[in-house]
mmCIF file of all heavy atoms, coordinates in Angstrom:
data_MODEL
# 
_entry.id   MODEL 
# 
loop_
_atom_site.group_PDB 
_atom_site.id 
_atom_site.type_symbol 
_atom_site.label_atom_id 
_atom_site.label_alt_id 
_atom_site.label_comp_id 
_atom_site.label_asym_id 
_atom_site.label_entity_id 
_atom_site.label_seq_id 
_atom_site.pdbx_PDB_ins_code 
_atom_site.Cartn_x 
_atom_site.Cartn_y 
_atom_site.Cartn_z 
_atom_site.occupancy 
_atom_site.B_iso_or_equiv 
_atom_site.pdbx_formal_charge 
_atom_site.auth_seq_id 
_atom_site.auth_comp_id 
_atom_site.auth_asym_id 
_atom_site.auth_atom_id 
_atom_site.pdbx_PDB_model_num 
ATOM 1   N N   . THR A 1 1  ? 155.927 79.544 146.417 1.00 0.00 ? 1  THR A N   1 
ATOM 2   C CA  . THR A 1 1  ? 157.273 80.045 146.677 1.00 0.00 ? 1  THR A CA  1 
ATOM 3   C C   . THR A 1 1  ? 158.125 78.975 147.369 1.00 0.00 ? 1  THR A C   1 
ATOM 4   O O   . THR A 1 1  ? 157.636 77.910 147.749 1.00 0.00 ? 1  THR A O   1 
ATOM 5   C CB  . THR A 1 1  ? 157.209 81.276 147.566 1.00 0.00 ? 1  THR A CB  1 
ATOM 6   O OG1 . THR A 1 1  ? 156.760 80.882 148.873 1.00 0.00 ? 1  THR A OG1 1 
ATOM 7   C CG2 . THR A 1 1  ? 156.246 82.317 147.002 1.00 0.00 ? 1  THR A CG2 1 
ATOM 8   N N   . ARG A 1 2  ? 159.381 79.277 147.517 1.00 0.00 ? 2  ARG A N   1 
ATOM 9   C CA  . ARG A 1 2  ? 160.269 78.338 148.195 1.00 0.00 ? 2  ARG A CA  1 
ATOM 10  C C   . ARG A 1 2  ? 159.852 78.191 149.653 1.00 0.00 ? 2  ARG A C   1 
ATOM 11  O O   . ARG A 1 2  ? 160.127 77.155 150.266 1.00 0.00 ? 2  ARG A O   1 
ATOM 12  C CB  . ARG A 1 2  ? 161.718 78.759 148.061 1.00 0.00 ? 2  ARG A CB  1 
ATOM 13  C CG  . ARG A 1 2  ? 162.085 80.071 148.714 1.00 0.00 ? 2  ARG A CG  1 
ATOM 14  C CD  . ARG A 1 2  ? 163.512 80.451 148.434 1.00 0.00 ? 2  ARG A CD  1 
ATOM 15  N NE  . ARG A 1 2  ? 164.465 79.519 148.982 1.00 0.00 ? 2  ARG A NE  1 
ATOM 16  C CZ  . ARG A 1 2  ? 165.037 79.628 150.194 1.00 0.00 ? 2  ARG A CZ  1 
ATOM 17  N NH1 . ARG A 1 2  ? 164.734 80.683 150.958 1.00 0.00 ? 2  ARG A NH1 1 
ATOM 18  N NH2 . ARG A 1 2  ? 165.913 78.742 150.632 1.00 0.00 ? 2  ARG A NH2 1 
ATOM 19  N N   . GLY A 1 3  ? 159.159 79.182 150.195 1.00 0.00 ? 3  GLY A N   1 
ATOM 20  C CA  . GLY A 1 3  ? 158.645 79.133 151.548 1.00 0.00 ? 3  GLY A CA  1 
ATOM 21  C C   . GLY A 1 3  ? 157.232 78.580 151.605 1.00 0.00 ? 3  GLY A C   1 
ATOM 22  O O   . GLY A 1 3  ? 156.604 78.582 152.647 1.00 0.00 ? 3  GLY A O   1 
ATOM 23  N N   . ARG A 1 4  ? 156.754 78.080 150.441 1.00 0.00 ? 4  ARG A N   1 
ATOM 24  C CA  . ARG A 1 4  ? 155.424 77.450 150.305 1.00 0.00 ? 4  ARG A CA  1 
ATOM 25  C C   . ARG A 1 4  ? 154.281 78.434 150.441 1.00 0.00 ? 4  ARG A C   1 
ATOM 26  O O   . ARG A 1 4  ? 153.127 78.040 150.748 1.00 0.00 ? 4  ARG A O   1 
ATOM 27  C CB  . ARG A 1 4  ? 155.244 76.268 151.250 1.00 0.00 ? 4  ARG A CB  1 
ATOM 28  C CG  . ARG A 1 4  ? 156.282 75.172 150.992 1.00 0.00 ? 4  ARG A CG  1 
ATOM 29  C CD  . ARG A 1 4  ? 156.057 73.945 151.808 1.00 0.00 ? 4  ARG A CD  1 
ATOM 30  N NE  . ARG A 1 4  ? 157.180 72.985 151.612 1.00 0.00 ? 4  ARG A NE  1 
ATOM 31  C CZ  . ARG A 1 4  ? 157.189 72.043 150.704 1.00 0.00 ? 4  ARG A CZ  1 
ATOM 32  N NH1 . ARG A 1 4  ? 156.156 71.880 149.892 1.00 0.00 ? 4  ARG A NH1 1 
ATOM 33  N NH2 . ARG A 1 4  ? 158.231 71.240 150.597 1.00 0.00 ? 4  ARG A NH2 1 
ATOM 34  N N   . GLY A 1 5  ? 154.548 79.749 150.227 1.00 0.00 ? 5  GLY A N   1 
ATOM 35  C CA  . GLY A 1 5  ? 153.448 80.672 150.032 1.00 0.00 ? 5  GLY A CA  1 
ATOM 36  C C   . GLY A 1 5  ? 152.790 80.347 148.683 1.00 0.00 ? 5  GLY A C   1 
ATOM 37  O O   . GLY A 1 5  ? 153.468 79.973 147.735 1.00 0.00 ? 5  GLY A O   1 
ATOM 38  N N   . ILE A 1 6  ? 151.478 80.472 148.619 1.00 0.00 ? 6  ILE A N   1 
ATOM 39  C CA  . ILE A 1 6  ? 150.739 80.068 147.435 1.00 0.00 ? 6  ILE A CA  1 
ATOM 40  C C   . ILE A 1 6  ? 149.809 81.158 146.959 1.00 0.00 ? 6  ILE A C   1 
ATOM 41  O O   . ILE A 1 6  ? 149.195 81.879 147.756 1.00 0.00 ? 6  ILE A O   1 
ATOM 42  C CB  . ILE A 1 6  ? 149.919 78.789 147.719 1.00 0.00 ? 6  ILE A CB  1 
ATOM 43  C CG1 . ILE A 1 6  ? 150.857 77.578 147.891 1.00 0.00 ? 6  ILE A CG1 1 
ATOM 44  C CG2 . ILE A 1 6  ? 148.917 78.498 146.598 1.00 0.00 ? 6  ILE A CG2 1 
ATOM 45  C CD1 . ILE A 1 6  ? 150.173 76.301 148.275 1.00 0.00 ? 6  ILE A CD1 1 
ATOM 46  N N   . ARG A 1 7  ? 149.730 81.296 145.636 1.00 0.00 ? 7  ARG A N   1 
ATOM 47  C CA  . ARG A 1 7  ? 148.809 82.284 145.040 1.00 0.00 ? 7  ARG A CA  1 
ATOM 48  C C   . ARG A 1 7  ? 148.181 81.642 143.797 1.00 0.00 ? 7  ARG A C   1 
ATOM 49  O O   . ARG A 1 7  ? 148.837 80.893 143.061 1.00 0.00 ? 7  ARG A O   1 
ATOM 50  C CB  . ARG A 1 7  ? 149.617 83.529 144.648 1.00 0.00 ? 7  ARG A CB  1 
ATOM 51  C CG  . ARG A 1 7  ? 148.834 84.600 143.942 1.00 0.00 ? 7  ARG A CG  1 
ATOM 52  C CD  . ARG A 1 7  ? 149.504 85.953 144.119 1.00 0.00 ? 7  ARG A CD  1 
ATOM 53  N NE  . ARG A 1 7  ? 150.895 85.950 143.686 1.00 0.00 ? 7  ARG A NE  1 
ATOM 54  C CZ  . ARG A 1 7  ? 151.319 86.421 142.517 1.00 0.00 ? 7  ARG A CZ  1 
ATOM 55  N NH1 . ARG A 1 7  ? 150.461 86.860 141.641 1.00 0.00 ? 7  ARG A NH1 1 
ATOM 56  N NH2 . ARG A 1 7  ? 152.601 86.421 142.216 1.00 0.00 ? 7  ARG A NH2 1 
ATOM 57  N N   . TYR A 1 8  ? 146.907 81.957 143.568 1.00 0.00 ? 8  TYR A N   1 
ATOM 58  C CA  . TYR A 1 8  ? 146.161 81.482 142.413 1.00 0.00 ? 8  TYR A CA  1 
ATOM 59  C C   . TYR A 1 8  ? 145.522 82.651 141.653 1.00 0.00 ? 8  TYR A C   1 
ATOM 60  O O   . TYR A 1 8  ? 145.091 83.626 142.293 1.00 0.00 ? 8  TYR A O   1 
ATOM 61  C CB  . TYR A 1 8  ? 145.049 80.512 142.804 1.00 0.00 ? 8  TYR A CB  1 
ATOM 62  C CG  . TYR A 1 8  ? 145.506 79.236 143.478 1.00 0.00 ? 8  TYR A CG  1 
ATOM 63  C CD1 . TYR A 1 8  ? 145.435 79.100 144.858 1.00 0.00 ? 8  TYR A CD1 1 
ATOM 64  C CD2 . TYR A 1 8  ? 145.998 78.169 142.739 1.00 0.00 ? 8  TYR A CD2 1 
ATOM 65  C CE1 . TYR A 1 8  ? 145.857 77.955 145.498 1.00 0.00 ? 8  TYR A CE1 1 
ATOM 66  C CE2 . TYR A 1 8  ? 146.417 76.994 143.383 1.00 0.00 ? 8  TYR A CE2 1 
ATOM 67  C CZ  . TYR A 1 8  ? 146.360 76.890 144.746 1.00 0.00 ? 8  TYR A CZ  1 
ATOM 68  O OH  . TYR A 1 8  ? 146.766 75.757 145.371 1.00 0.00 ? 8  TYR A OH  1 
ATOM 69  N N   . VAL A 1 9  ? 145.367 82.478 140.354 1.00 0.00 ? 9  VAL A N   1 
ATOM 70  C CA  . VAL A 1 9  ? 144.515 83.399 139.621 1.00 0.00 ? 9  VAL A CA  1 
ATOM 71  C C   . VAL A 1 9  ? 143.065 83.117 140.032 1.00 0.00 ? 9  VAL A C   1 
ATOM 72  O O   . VAL A 1 9  ? 142.698 81.993 140.357 1.00 0.00 ? 9  VAL A O   1 
ATOM 73  C CB  . VAL A 1 9  ? 144.718 83.227 138.090 1.00 0.00 ? 9  VAL A CB  1 
ATOM 74  C CG1 . VAL A 1 9  ? 144.197 81.884 137.614 1.00 0.00 ? 9  VAL A CG1 1 
ATOM 75  C CG2 . VAL A 1 9  ? 144.077 84.369 137.328 1.00 0.00 ? 9  VAL A CG2 1 
ATOM 76  N N   . ASP A 1 10 ? 142.242 84.161 140.060 1.00 0.00 ? 10 ASP A N   1 
ATOM 77  C CA  . ASP A 1 10 ? 140.893 84.019 140.588 1.00 0.00 ? 10 ASP A CA  1 
ATOM 78  C C   . ASP A 1 10 ? 140.099 82.915 139.882 1.00 0.00 ? 10 ASP A C   1 
ATOM 79  O O   . ASP A 1 10 ? 139.289 82.224 140.500 1.00 0.00 ? 10 ASP A O   1 
ATOM 80  C CB  . ASP A 1 10 ? 140.125 85.343 140.487 1.00 0.00 ? 10 ASP A CB  1 
ATOM 81  C CG  . ASP A 1 10 ? 140.586 86.359 141.490 1.00 0.00 ? 10 ASP A CG  1 
ATOM 82  O OD1 . ASP A 1 10 ? 141.293 85.973 142.454 1.00 0.00 ? 10 ASP A OD1 1 
ATOM 83  O OD2 . ASP A 1 10 ? 140.237 87.537 141.347 1.00 0.00 ? 10 ASP A OD2 1 
ATOM 84  N N   . SER A 1 11 ? 140.279 82.732 138.592 1.00 0.00 ? 11 SER A N   1 
ATOM 85  C CA  . SER A 1 11 ? 139.452 81.824 137.818 1.00 0.00 ? 11 SER A CA  1 
ATOM 86  C C   . SER A 1 11 ? 139.683 80.356 138.178 1.00 0.00 ? 11 SER A C   1 
ATOM 87  O O   . SER A 1 11 ? 138.874 79.515 137.797 1.00 0.00 ? 11 SER A O   1 
ATOM 88  C CB  . SER A 1 11 ? 139.737 82.019 136.317 1.00 0.00 ? 11 SER A CB  1 
ATOM 89  O OG  . SER A 1 11 ? 141.083 81.791 136.030 1.00 0.00 ? 11 SER A OG  1 
ATOM 90  N N   . VAL A 1 12 ? 140.753 80.038 138.900 1.00 0.00 ? 12 VAL A N   1 
ATOM 91  C CA  . VAL A 1 12 ? 141.014 78.627 139.247 1.00 0.00 ? 12 VAL A CA  1 
ATOM 92  C C   . VAL A 1 12 ? 140.914 78.365 140.736 1.00 0.00 ? 12 VAL A C   1 
ATOM 93  O O   . VAL A 1 12 ? 141.055 77.211 141.176 1.00 0.00 ? 12 VAL A O   1 
ATOM 94  C CB  . VAL A 1 12 ? 142.371 78.148 138.721 1.00 0.00 ? 12 VAL A CB  1 
ATOM 95  C CG1 . VAL A 1 12 ? 142.533 78.451 137.239 1.00 0.00 ? 12 VAL A CG1 1 
ATOM 96  C CG2 . VAL A 1 12 ? 143.530 78.747 139.520 1.00 0.00 ? 12 VAL A CG2 1 
ATOM 97  N N   . LYS A 1 13 ? 140.658 79.384 141.519 1.00 0.00 ? 13 LYS A N   1 
ATOM 98  C CA  . LYS A 1 13 ? 140.580 79.225 142.990 1.00 0.00 ? 13 LYS A CA  1 
ATOM 99  C C   . LYS A 1 13 ? 139.455 78.232 143.331 1.00 0.00 ? 13 LYS A C   1 
ATOM 100 O O   . LYS A 1 13 ? 138.368 78.314 142.799 1.00 0.00 ? 13 LYS A O   1 
ATOM 101 C CB  . LYS A 1 13 ? 140.337 80.552 143.669 1.00 0.00 ? 13 LYS A CB  1 
ATOM 102 C CG  . LYS A 1 13 ? 141.541 81.469 143.715 1.00 0.00 ? 13 LYS A CG  1 
ATOM 103 C CD  . LYS A 1 13 ? 141.246 82.784 144.409 1.00 0.00 ? 13 LYS A CD  1 
ATOM 104 C CE  . LYS A 1 13 ? 142.454 83.687 144.450 1.00 0.00 ? 13 LYS A CE  1 
ATOM 105 N NZ  . LYS A 1 13 ? 142.153 85.003 145.030 1.00 0.00 ? 13 LYS A NZ  1 
ATOM 106 N N   . GLY A 1 14 ? 139.788 77.299 144.207 1.00 0.00 ? 14 GLY A N   1 
ATOM 107 C CA  . GLY A 1 14 ? 138.833 76.292 144.609 1.00 0.00 ? 14 GLY A CA  1 
ATOM 108 C C   . GLY A 1 14 ? 138.787 75.079 143.694 1.00 0.00 ? 14 GLY A C   1 
ATOM 109 O O   . GLY A 1 14 ? 138.146 74.081 144.015 1.00 0.00 ? 14 GLY A O   1 
ATOM 110 N N   . ARG A 1 15 ? 139.456 75.161 142.535 1.00 0.00 ? 15 ARG A N   1 
ATOM 111 C CA  . ARG A 1 15 ? 139.471 74.050 141.598 1.00 0.00 ? 15 ARG A CA  1 
ATOM 112 C C   . ARG A 1 15 ? 140.877 73.469 141.390 1.00 0.00 ? 15 ARG A C   1 
ATOM 113 O O   . ARG A 1 15 ? 141.014 72.257 141.192 1.00 0.00 ? 15 ARG A O   1 
ATOM 114 C CB  . ARG A 1 15 ? 138.919 74.493 140.232 1.00 0.00 ? 15 ARG A CB  1 
ATOM 115 C CG  . ARG A 1 15 ? 137.509 75.028 140.283 1.00 0.00 ? 15 ARG A CG  1 
ATOM 116 C CD  . ARG A 1 15 ? 136.937 75.252 138.875 1.00 0.00 ? 15 ARG A CD  1 
ATOM 117 N NE  . ARG A 1 15 ? 137.673 76.255 138.137 1.00 0.00 ? 15 ARG A NE  1 
ATOM 118 C CZ  . ARG A 1 15 ? 138.294 76.045 136.967 1.00 0.00 ? 15 ARG A CZ  1 
ATOM 119 N NH1 . ARG A 1 15 ? 138.276 74.830 136.434 1.00 0.00 ? 15 ARG A NH1 1 
ATOM 120 N NH2 . ARG A 1 15 ? 138.925 77.031 136.353 1.00 0.00 ? 15 ARG A NH2 1 
ATOM 121 N N   . PHE A 1 16 ? 141.881 74.325 141.412 1.00 0.00 ? 16 PHE A N   1 
ATOM 122 C CA  . PHE A 1 16 ? 143.261 73.866 141.187 1.00 0.00 ? 16 PHE A CA  1 
ATOM 123 C C   . PHE A 1 16 ? 144.028 73.944 142.485 1.00 0.00 ? 16 PHE A C   1 
ATOM 124 O O   . PHE A 1 16 ? 143.810 74.810 143.342 1.00 0.00 ? 16 PHE A O   1 
ATOM 125 C CB  . PHE A 1 16 ? 143.953 74.786 140.153 1.00 0.00 ? 16 PHE A CB  1 
ATOM 126 C CG  . PHE A 1 16 ? 143.454 74.662 138.752 1.00 0.00 ? 16 PHE A CG  1 
ATOM 127 C CD1 . PHE A 1 16 ? 142.306 73.987 138.419 1.00 0.00 ? 16 PHE A CD1 1 
ATOM 128 C CD2 . PHE A 1 16 ? 144.171 75.268 137.717 1.00 0.00 ? 16 PHE A CD2 1 
ATOM 129 C CE1 . PHE A 1 16 ? 141.851 73.886 137.120 1.00 0.00 ? 16 PHE A CE1 1 
ATOM 130 C CE2 . PHE A 1 16 ? 143.742 75.203 136.410 1.00 0.00 ? 16 PHE A CE2 1 
ATOM 131 C CZ  . PHE A 1 16 ? 142.573 74.514 136.118 1.00 0.00 ? 16 PHE A CZ  1 
ATOM 132 N N   . THR A 1 17 ? 145.019 73.034 142.628 1.00 0.00 ? 17 THR A N   1 
ATOM 133 C CA  . THR A 1 17 ? 145.896 73.019 143.790 1.00 0.00 ? 17 THR A CA  1 
ATOM 134 C C   . THR A 1 17 ? 147.345 72.835 143.333 1.00 0.00 ? 17 THR A C   1 
ATOM 135 O O   . THR A 1 17 ? 147.637 71.874 142.605 1.00 0.00 ? 17 THR A O   1 
ATOM 136 C CB  . THR A 1 17 ? 145.517 71.879 144.747 1.00 0.00 ? 17 THR A CB  1 
ATOM 137 O OG1 . THR A 1 17 ? 144.151 72.022 145.156 1.00 0.00 ? 17 THR A OG1 1 
ATOM 138 C CG2 . THR A 1 17 ? 146.411 71.926 145.986 1.00 0.00 ? 17 THR A CG2 1 
ATOM 139 N N   . ILE A 1 18 ? 148.183 73.743 143.740 1.00 0.00 ? 18 ILE A N   1 
ATOM 140 C CA  . ILE A 1 18 ? 149.607 73.638 143.430 1.00 0.00 ? 18 ILE A CA  1 
ATOM 141 C C   . ILE A 1 18 ? 150.305 73.087 144.659 1.00 0.00 ? 18 ILE A C   1 
ATOM 142 O O   . ILE A 1 18 ? 149.966 73.401 145.804 1.00 0.00 ? 18 ILE A O   1 
ATOM 143 C CB  . ILE A 1 18 ? 150.207 75.000 142.997 1.00 0.00 ? 18 ILE A CB  1 
ATOM 144 C CG1 . ILE A 1 18 ? 151.636 74.819 142.478 1.00 0.00 ? 18 ILE A CG1 1 
ATOM 145 C CG2 . ILE A 1 18 ? 150.153 76.032 144.125 1.00 0.00 ? 18 ILE A CG2 1 
ATOM 146 C CD1 . ILE A 1 18 ? 152.213 76.092 141.832 1.00 0.00 ? 18 ILE A CD1 1 
ATOM 147 N N   . SER A 1 19 ? 151.324 72.246 144.412 1.00 0.00 ? 19 SER A N   1 
ATOM 148 C CA  . SER A 1 19 ? 152.120 71.699 145.506 1.00 0.00 ? 19 SER A CA  1 
ATOM 149 C C   . SER A 1 19 ? 153.507 71.406 144.988 1.00 0.00 ? 19 SER A C   1 
ATOM 150 O O   . SER A 1 19 ? 153.739 71.339 143.786 1.00 0.00 ? 19 SER A O   1 
ATOM 151 C CB  . SER A 1 19 ? 151.456 70.435 146.079 1.00 0.00 ? 19 SER A CB  1 
ATOM 152 O OG  . SER A 1 19 ? 151.373 69.419 145.089 1.00 0.00 ? 19 SER A OG  1 
ATOM 153 N N   . ARG A 1 20 ? 154.423 71.216 145.922 1.00 0.00 ? 20 ARG A N   1 
ATOM 154 C CA  . ARG A 1 20 ? 155.786 70.875 145.535 1.00 0.00 ? 20 ARG A CA  1 
ATOM 155 C C   . ARG A 1 20 ? 156.361 69.816 146.454 1.00 0.00 ? 20 ARG A C   1 
ATOM 156 O O   . ARG A 1 20 ? 156.017 69.769 147.635 1.00 0.00 ? 20 ARG A O   1 
ATOM 157 C CB  . ARG A 1 20 ? 156.696 72.136 145.538 1.00 0.00 ? 20 ARG A CB  1 
ATOM 158 C CG  . ARG A 1 20 ? 156.889 72.776 146.894 1.00 0.00 ? 20 ARG A CG  1 
ATOM 159 C CD  . ARG A 1 20 ? 157.593 74.135 146.741 1.00 0.00 ? 20 ARG A CD  1 
ATOM 160 N NE  . ARG A 1 20 ? 158.968 73.981 146.246 1.00 0.00 ? 20 ARG A NE  1 
ATOM 161 C CZ  . ARG A 1 20 ? 159.670 74.993 145.713 1.00 0.00 ? 20 ARG A CZ  1 
ATOM 162 N NH1 . ARG A 1 20 ? 159.108 76.201 145.638 1.00 0.00 ? 20 ARG A NH1 1 
ATOM 163 N NH2 . ARG A 1 20 ? 160.897 74.792 145.304 1.00 0.00 ? 20 ARG A NH2 1 
ATOM 164 N N   . ASP A 1 21 ? 157.222 68.987 145.889 1.00 0.00 ? 21 ASP A N   1 
ATOM 165 C CA  . ASP A 1 21 ? 157.926 67.959 146.637 1.00 0.00 ? 21 ASP A CA  1 
ATOM 166 C C   . ASP A 1 21 ? 159.425 68.213 146.405 1.00 0.00 ? 21 ASP A C   1 
ATOM 167 O O   . ASP A 1 21 ? 159.973 67.841 145.367 1.00 0.00 ? 21 ASP A O   1 
ATOM 168 C CB  . ASP A 1 21 ? 157.531 66.557 146.149 1.00 0.00 ? 21 ASP A CB  1 
ATOM 169 C CG  . ASP A 1 21 ? 158.142 65.432 146.948 1.00 0.00 ? 21 ASP A CG  1 
ATOM 170 O OD1 . ASP A 1 21 ? 159.172 65.677 147.600 1.00 0.00 ? 21 ASP A OD1 1 
ATOM 171 O OD2 . ASP A 1 21 ? 157.581 64.339 146.934 1.00 0.00 ? 21 ASP A OD2 1 
ATOM 172 N N   . ASN A 1 22 ? 160.060 68.848 147.367 1.00 0.00 ? 22 ASN A N   1 
ATOM 173 C CA  . ASN A 1 22 ? 161.460 69.215 147.178 1.00 0.00 ? 22 ASN A CA  1 
ATOM 174 C C   . ASN A 1 22 ? 162.366 67.985 147.107 1.00 0.00 ? 22 ASN A C   1 
ATOM 175 O O   . ASN A 1 22 ? 163.408 68.031 146.427 1.00 0.00 ? 22 ASN A O   1 
ATOM 176 C CB  . ASN A 1 22 ? 161.915 70.111 148.322 1.00 0.00 ? 22 ASN A CB  1 
ATOM 177 C CG  . ASN A 1 22 ? 161.329 71.525 148.225 1.00 0.00 ? 22 ASN A CG  1 
ATOM 178 O OD1 . ASN A 1 22 ? 160.799 71.910 147.190 1.00 0.00 ? 22 ASN A OD1 1 
ATOM 179 N ND2 . ASN A 1 22 ? 161.387 72.254 149.315 1.00 0.00 ? 22 ASN A ND2 1 
ATOM 180 N N   . ALA A 1 23 ? 161.991 66.906 147.772 1.00 0.00 ? 23 ALA A N   1 
ATOM 181 C CA  . ALA A 1 23 ? 162.785 65.667 147.713 1.00 0.00 ? 23 ALA A CA  1 
ATOM 182 C C   . ALA A 1 23 ? 162.792 65.090 146.283 1.00 0.00 ? 23 ALA A C   1 
ATOM 183 O O   . ALA A 1 23 ? 163.794 64.446 145.890 1.00 0.00 ? 23 ALA A O   1 
ATOM 184 C CB  . ALA A 1 23 ? 162.238 64.627 148.679 1.00 0.00 ? 23 ALA A CB  1 
ATOM 185 N N   . LYS A 1 24 ? 161.735 65.319 145.546 1.00 0.00 ? 24 LYS A N   1 
ATOM 186 C CA  . LYS A 1 24 ? 161.665 64.821 144.183 1.00 0.00 ? 24 LYS A CA  1 
ATOM 187 C C   . LYS A 1 24 ? 161.900 65.919 143.148 1.00 0.00 ? 24 LYS A C   1 
ATOM 188 O O   . LYS A 1 24 ? 161.817 65.664 141.934 1.00 0.00 ? 24 LYS A O   1 
ATOM 189 C CB  . LYS A 1 24 ? 160.284 64.203 143.912 1.00 0.00 ? 24 LYS A CB  1 
ATOM 190 C CG  . LYS A 1 24 ? 159.992 62.971 144.764 1.00 0.00 ? 24 LYS A CG  1 
ATOM 191 C CD  . LYS A 1 24 ? 158.634 62.377 144.411 1.00 0.00 ? 24 LYS A CD  1 
ATOM 192 C CE  . LYS A 1 24 ? 158.356 61.123 145.231 1.00 0.00 ? 24 LYS A CE  1 
ATOM 193 N NZ  . LYS A 1 24 ? 157.026 60.547 144.955 1.00 0.00 ? 24 LYS A NZ  1 
# 
């Protein structure tokens, strides 16, 4: 989210990481 809350589907938890760089 814009507040950096994060959610994953169960099948990718522990393997995938989402992140954002607002400056870019």
